[in-house]
């Protein structure tokens, strides 16, 4: 979840349902600023997707997931890589951006 005051990872155990969302009225410029300020990734030029660093996801999940999560997370990253949803260097994964009502 992207908010004016930061980024959070809701339900990190659900590695098969990955997307980014925001509730507040945030302009594309403010979304970009928040993500950069909090190492949350970057808004892609299409305005419909974000690239989230893998390390950010690991950091935000820490303390919220069980020991089997790393294996499941690696599987999600492999799936994303197969679909072309990873950065070329493999350090970030693409997420669809949704505005929650």
N, C-alpha and C. Protein backbone atom coordinates (compact mmCIF):
# COMPACT_ATOMS: atom_id res chain seq x y z
N UNK A 1 0.85 -1.16 0.00
CA UNK A 1 0.00 0.00 0.00
C UNK A 1 0.90 1.24 0.00
N UNK A 2 0.59 2.16 -0.87
CA UNK A 2 1.33 3.41 -0.96
C UNK A 2 0.44 4.50 -0.36
N UNK A 3 0.98 5.22 0.60
CA UNK A 3 0.26 6.33 1.23
C UNK A 3 1.18 7.54 1.25
N UNK A 4 0.63 8.68 1.56
CA UNK A 4 1.42 9.91 1.57
C UNK A 4 2.58 9.84 2.54
N UNK A 5 2.46 8.99 3.57
CA UNK A 5 3.51 8.90 4.58
C UNK A 5 4.39 7.67 4.47
N UNK A 6 4.25 6.88 3.39
CA UNK A 6 5.13 5.73 3.23
C UNK A 6 4.52 4.58 2.46
N UNK A 7 5.22 3.45 2.50
CA UNK A 7 4.76 2.24 1.83
C UNK A 7 4.72 1.10 2.84
N UNK A 8 3.74 0.21 2.68
CA UNK A 8 3.61 -0.95 3.54
C UNK A 8 3.31 -2.17 2.67
N UNK A 9 3.52 -3.34 3.24
CA UNK A 9 3.24 -4.58 2.54
C UNK A 9 2.13 -5.29 3.31
N UNK A 10 0.96 -5.35 2.71
CA UNK A 10 -0.18 -6.03 3.33
C UNK A 10 -0.20 -7.48 2.87
N UNK A 11 -0.49 -8.38 3.77
CA UNK A 11 -0.59 -9.81 3.51
C UNK A 11 0.63 -10.35 2.75
N UNK A 12 1.81 -10.20 3.30
CA UNK A 12 3.02 -10.66 2.60
C UNK A 12 3.04 -12.17 2.36
N UNK A 13 2.25 -12.90 3.10
CA UNK A 13 2.20 -14.35 2.92
C UNK A 13 1.50 -14.75 1.61
N UNK A 14 0.77 -13.84 1.00
CA UNK A 14 0.06 -14.11 -0.25
C UNK A 14 0.95 -13.76 -1.44
N UNK A 15 1.87 -14.65 -1.73
CA UNK A 15 2.84 -14.38 -2.80
C UNK A 15 2.26 -14.60 -4.20
N UNK A 16 1.04 -15.10 -4.29
CA UNK A 16 0.44 -15.33 -5.60
C UNK A 16 -0.54 -14.23 -6.00
N UNK A 17 -0.56 -13.14 -5.25
CA UNK A 17 -1.50 -12.04 -5.53
C UNK A 17 -0.77 -10.72 -5.26
N UNK A 18 0.12 -10.35 -6.16
CA UNK A 18 0.99 -9.20 -5.94
C UNK A 18 0.55 -8.02 -6.79
N UNK A 19 0.25 -6.91 -6.13
CA UNK A 19 -0.09 -5.66 -6.81
C UNK A 19 0.18 -4.52 -5.85
N UNK A 20 0.24 -3.31 -6.36
CA UNK A 20 0.43 -2.12 -5.54
C UNK A 20 -0.87 -1.33 -5.55
N UNK A 21 -1.18 -0.69 -4.43
CA UNK A 21 -2.42 0.08 -4.37
C UNK A 21 -2.22 1.33 -3.53
N UNK A 22 -3.16 2.24 -3.70
CA UNK A 22 -3.19 3.45 -2.90
C UNK A 22 -4.64 3.89 -2.75
N UNK A 23 -4.96 4.52 -1.60
CA UNK A 23 -6.31 4.99 -1.34
C UNK A 23 -6.42 6.51 -1.46
N UNK A 24 -5.40 7.17 -1.02
CA UNK A 24 -5.43 8.63 -1.02
C UNK A 24 -5.38 9.16 -2.44
N UNK A 25 -5.78 10.39 -2.61
CA UNK A 25 -5.66 11.04 -3.92
C UNK A 25 -4.22 11.51 -4.08
N UNK A 26 -3.43 10.66 -4.71
CA UNK A 26 -2.03 10.97 -4.92
C UNK A 26 -1.79 11.16 -6.41
N UNK A 27 -1.19 12.27 -6.76
CA UNK A 27 -0.85 12.52 -8.16
C UNK A 27 0.29 11.58 -8.56
N UNK A 28 0.49 11.36 -9.84
CA UNK A 28 1.63 10.56 -10.26
C UNK A 28 2.95 11.09 -9.70
N UNK A 29 3.10 12.40 -9.65
CA UNK A 29 4.33 12.99 -9.11
C UNK A 29 4.49 12.63 -7.64
N UNK A 30 3.40 12.70 -6.86
CA UNK A 30 3.50 12.38 -5.43
C UNK A 30 3.71 10.88 -5.22
N UNK A 31 3.07 10.04 -6.04
CA UNK A 31 3.33 8.60 -5.95
C UNK A 31 4.82 8.33 -6.15
N UNK A 32 5.39 8.95 -7.15
CA UNK A 32 6.81 8.79 -7.43
C UNK A 32 7.65 9.25 -6.24
N UNK A 33 7.34 10.42 -5.70
CA UNK A 33 8.09 10.96 -4.56
C UNK A 33 8.04 10.02 -3.36
N UNK A 34 6.86 9.53 -3.01
CA UNK A 34 6.70 8.65 -1.85
C UNK A 34 7.51 7.37 -2.06
N UNK A 35 7.42 6.81 -3.24
CA UNK A 35 8.14 5.56 -3.49
C UNK A 35 9.64 5.76 -3.41
N UNK A 36 10.14 6.86 -3.94
CA UNK A 36 11.57 7.13 -3.86
C UNK A 36 11.99 7.40 -2.41
N UNK A 37 11.21 8.22 -1.69
CA UNK A 37 11.54 8.57 -0.30
C UNK A 37 11.62 7.34 0.59
N UNK A 38 10.83 6.32 0.30
CA UNK A 38 10.73 5.15 1.18
C UNK A 38 11.28 3.88 0.53
N UNK A 39 12.13 4.04 -0.48
CA UNK A 39 12.75 2.91 -1.18
C UNK A 39 11.71 1.90 -1.64
N UNK A 40 10.56 2.42 -2.07
CA UNK A 40 9.45 1.57 -2.49
C UNK A 40 9.47 1.23 -3.96
N UNK A 41 10.39 1.79 -4.71
CA UNK A 41 10.47 1.49 -6.13
C UNK A 41 10.20 2.72 -6.96
N UNK A 42 9.68 2.48 -8.16
CA UNK A 42 9.44 3.61 -9.06
C UNK A 42 8.16 3.39 -9.86
N UNK A 43 7.49 4.49 -10.11
CA UNK A 43 6.31 4.50 -10.97
C UNK A 43 6.78 4.43 -12.41
N UNK A 44 6.22 3.49 -13.18
CA UNK A 44 6.61 3.37 -14.57
C UNK A 44 5.90 4.42 -15.42
N UNK A 45 6.47 4.76 -16.57
CA UNK A 45 5.89 5.83 -17.41
C UNK A 45 4.43 5.61 -17.79
N UNK A 46 3.97 4.36 -17.86
CA UNK A 46 2.57 4.13 -18.23
C UNK A 46 1.59 4.55 -17.14
N UNK A 47 2.10 4.79 -15.91
CA UNK A 47 1.25 5.20 -14.80
C UNK A 47 0.38 4.09 -14.23
N UNK A 48 0.48 2.90 -14.78
CA UNK A 48 -0.34 1.78 -14.34
C UNK A 48 0.45 0.69 -13.63
N UNK A 49 1.77 0.84 -13.57
CA UNK A 49 2.62 -0.17 -12.96
C UNK A 49 3.73 0.51 -12.17
N UNK A 50 4.25 -0.25 -11.21
CA UNK A 50 5.42 0.19 -10.45
C UNK A 50 6.44 -0.95 -10.46
N UNK A 51 7.69 -0.59 -10.37
CA UNK A 51 8.76 -1.57 -10.20
C UNK A 51 9.19 -1.49 -8.74
N UNK A 52 9.04 -2.62 -8.04
CA UNK A 52 9.33 -2.68 -6.61
C UNK A 52 10.59 -3.50 -6.40
N UNK A 53 11.59 -2.94 -5.71
CA UNK A 53 12.81 -3.71 -5.46
C UNK A 53 12.52 -4.97 -4.63
N UNK A 54 13.14 -6.05 -5.03
CA UNK A 54 12.98 -7.32 -4.30
C UNK A 54 13.41 -7.13 -2.86
N UNK A 55 14.49 -6.40 -2.63
CA UNK A 55 14.97 -6.19 -1.26
C UNK A 55 13.96 -5.40 -0.42
N UNK A 56 13.24 -4.49 -1.03
CA UNK A 56 12.20 -3.75 -0.31
C UNK A 56 11.09 -4.70 0.13
N UNK A 57 10.70 -5.61 -0.74
CA UNK A 57 9.67 -6.59 -0.38
C UNK A 57 10.15 -7.48 0.77
N UNK A 58 11.39 -7.91 0.71
CA UNK A 58 11.95 -8.72 1.81
C UNK A 58 11.96 -7.92 3.12
N UNK A 59 12.38 -6.66 3.03
CA UNK A 59 12.44 -5.81 4.23
C UNK A 59 11.06 -5.62 4.84
N UNK A 60 10.07 -5.33 4.00
CA UNK A 60 8.72 -5.08 4.50
C UNK A 60 8.05 -6.35 5.02
N UNK A 61 8.46 -7.51 4.51
CA UNK A 61 7.87 -8.78 4.96
C UNK A 61 8.52 -9.29 6.25
N UNK A 62 9.72 -8.83 6.55
CA UNK A 62 10.45 -9.33 7.72
C UNK A 62 9.61 -9.22 8.99
N UNK A 63 9.58 -10.31 9.73
CA UNK A 63 8.84 -10.35 10.99
C UNK A 63 7.36 -10.63 10.81
N UNK A 64 6.88 -10.69 9.57
CA UNK A 64 5.46 -10.95 9.32
C UNK A 64 5.19 -12.30 8.68
N UNK A 65 6.25 -13.01 8.29
CA UNK A 65 6.09 -14.26 7.55
C UNK A 65 6.83 -15.39 8.24
N UNK A 66 6.41 -16.63 7.92
CA UNK A 66 7.06 -17.78 8.54
C UNK A 66 8.30 -18.18 7.75
N UNK A 67 9.00 -19.19 8.21
CA UNK A 67 10.28 -19.57 7.61
C UNK A 67 10.14 -20.14 6.20
N UNK A 68 9.00 -20.61 5.79
CA UNK A 68 8.81 -21.14 4.45
C UNK A 68 8.56 -20.07 3.40
N UNK A 69 8.44 -18.83 3.85
CA UNK A 69 8.12 -17.74 2.94
C UNK A 69 9.19 -17.53 1.88
N UNK A 70 10.45 -17.61 2.25
CA UNK A 70 11.53 -17.36 1.29
C UNK A 70 11.41 -18.27 0.06
N UNK A 71 11.08 -19.53 0.30
CA UNK A 71 10.92 -20.48 -0.81
C UNK A 71 9.73 -20.08 -1.69
N UNK A 72 8.62 -19.73 -1.06
CA UNK A 72 7.43 -19.31 -1.81
C UNK A 72 7.69 -18.01 -2.56
N UNK A 73 8.38 -17.09 -1.93
CA UNK A 73 8.71 -15.80 -2.56
C UNK A 73 9.62 -16.03 -3.78
N UNK A 74 10.59 -16.92 -3.64
CA UNK A 74 11.47 -17.24 -4.77
C UNK A 74 10.65 -17.81 -5.93
N UNK A 75 9.65 -18.62 -5.62
CA UNK A 75 8.77 -19.16 -6.66
C UNK A 75 8.00 -18.05 -7.36
N UNK A 76 7.53 -17.06 -6.59
CA UNK A 76 6.82 -15.93 -7.19
C UNK A 76 7.75 -15.17 -8.12
N UNK A 77 8.99 -14.97 -7.70
CA UNK A 77 9.95 -14.24 -8.53
C UNK A 77 10.27 -15.01 -9.81
N UNK A 78 10.38 -16.33 -9.71
CA UNK A 78 10.61 -17.14 -10.90
C UNK A 78 9.44 -17.01 -11.87
N UNK A 79 8.23 -17.04 -11.35
CA UNK A 79 7.03 -16.88 -12.19
C UNK A 79 7.04 -15.50 -12.86
N UNK A 80 7.35 -14.47 -12.07
CA UNK A 80 7.40 -13.10 -12.61
C UNK A 80 8.47 -13.00 -13.70
N UNK A 81 9.59 -13.64 -13.48
CA UNK A 81 10.68 -13.62 -14.47
C UNK A 81 10.22 -14.28 -15.77
N UNK A 82 9.54 -15.42 -15.66
CA UNK A 82 9.03 -16.13 -16.84
C UNK A 82 8.03 -15.28 -17.62
N UNK A 83 7.27 -14.44 -16.92
CA UNK A 83 6.25 -13.60 -17.56
C UNK A 83 6.82 -12.28 -18.08
N UNK A 84 8.09 -12.00 -17.76
CA UNK A 84 8.71 -10.74 -18.20
C UNK A 84 8.40 -9.58 -17.27
N UNK A 85 8.07 -9.89 -16.02
CA UNK A 85 7.69 -8.86 -15.06
C UNK A 85 8.83 -8.46 -14.12
N UNK A 86 10.04 -8.90 -14.41
CA UNK A 86 11.20 -8.53 -13.59
C UNK A 86 12.04 -7.52 -14.36
N UNK A 87 12.79 -6.72 -13.61
CA UNK A 87 13.75 -5.83 -14.26
C UNK A 87 14.82 -6.68 -14.94
N UNK A 88 15.52 -6.09 -15.89
CA UNK A 88 16.55 -6.84 -16.62
C UNK A 88 17.60 -7.42 -15.69
N UNK A 89 17.94 -6.70 -14.63
CA UNK A 89 18.97 -7.19 -13.70
C UNK A 89 18.39 -8.07 -12.59
N UNK A 90 17.08 -8.28 -12.58
CA UNK A 90 16.45 -9.17 -11.61
C UNK A 90 16.30 -8.61 -10.22
N UNK A 91 16.50 -7.31 -10.04
CA UNK A 91 16.44 -6.73 -8.69
C UNK A 91 15.09 -6.11 -8.34
N UNK A 92 14.17 -6.06 -9.31
CA UNK A 92 12.86 -5.45 -9.06
C UNK A 92 11.78 -6.21 -9.82
N UNK A 93 10.58 -6.20 -9.27
CA UNK A 93 9.45 -6.89 -9.88
C UNK A 93 8.34 -5.88 -10.17
N UNK A 94 7.69 -6.05 -11.31
CA UNK A 94 6.63 -5.15 -11.73
C UNK A 94 5.33 -5.52 -11.04
N UNK A 95 4.60 -4.50 -10.59
CA UNK A 95 3.30 -4.69 -9.97
C UNK A 95 2.30 -3.76 -10.62
N UNK A 96 1.10 -4.25 -10.84
CA UNK A 96 0.02 -3.43 -11.35
C UNK A 96 -0.36 -2.44 -10.24
N UNK A 97 -0.64 -1.20 -10.58
CA UNK A 97 -1.00 -0.16 -9.64
C UNK A 97 -2.51 0.06 -9.69
N UNK A 98 -3.16 -0.03 -8.53
CA UNK A 98 -4.61 0.12 -8.44
C UNK A 98 -4.95 1.17 -7.41
N UNK A 99 -5.98 1.94 -7.69
CA UNK A 99 -6.48 2.89 -6.70
C UNK A 99 -7.66 2.23 -6.00
N UNK A 100 -7.55 2.04 -4.69
CA UNK A 100 -8.61 1.43 -3.91
C UNK A 100 -9.61 2.50 -3.52
N UNK A 101 -10.85 2.13 -3.55
CA UNK A 101 -11.91 3.08 -3.17
C UNK A 101 -12.24 2.96 -1.71
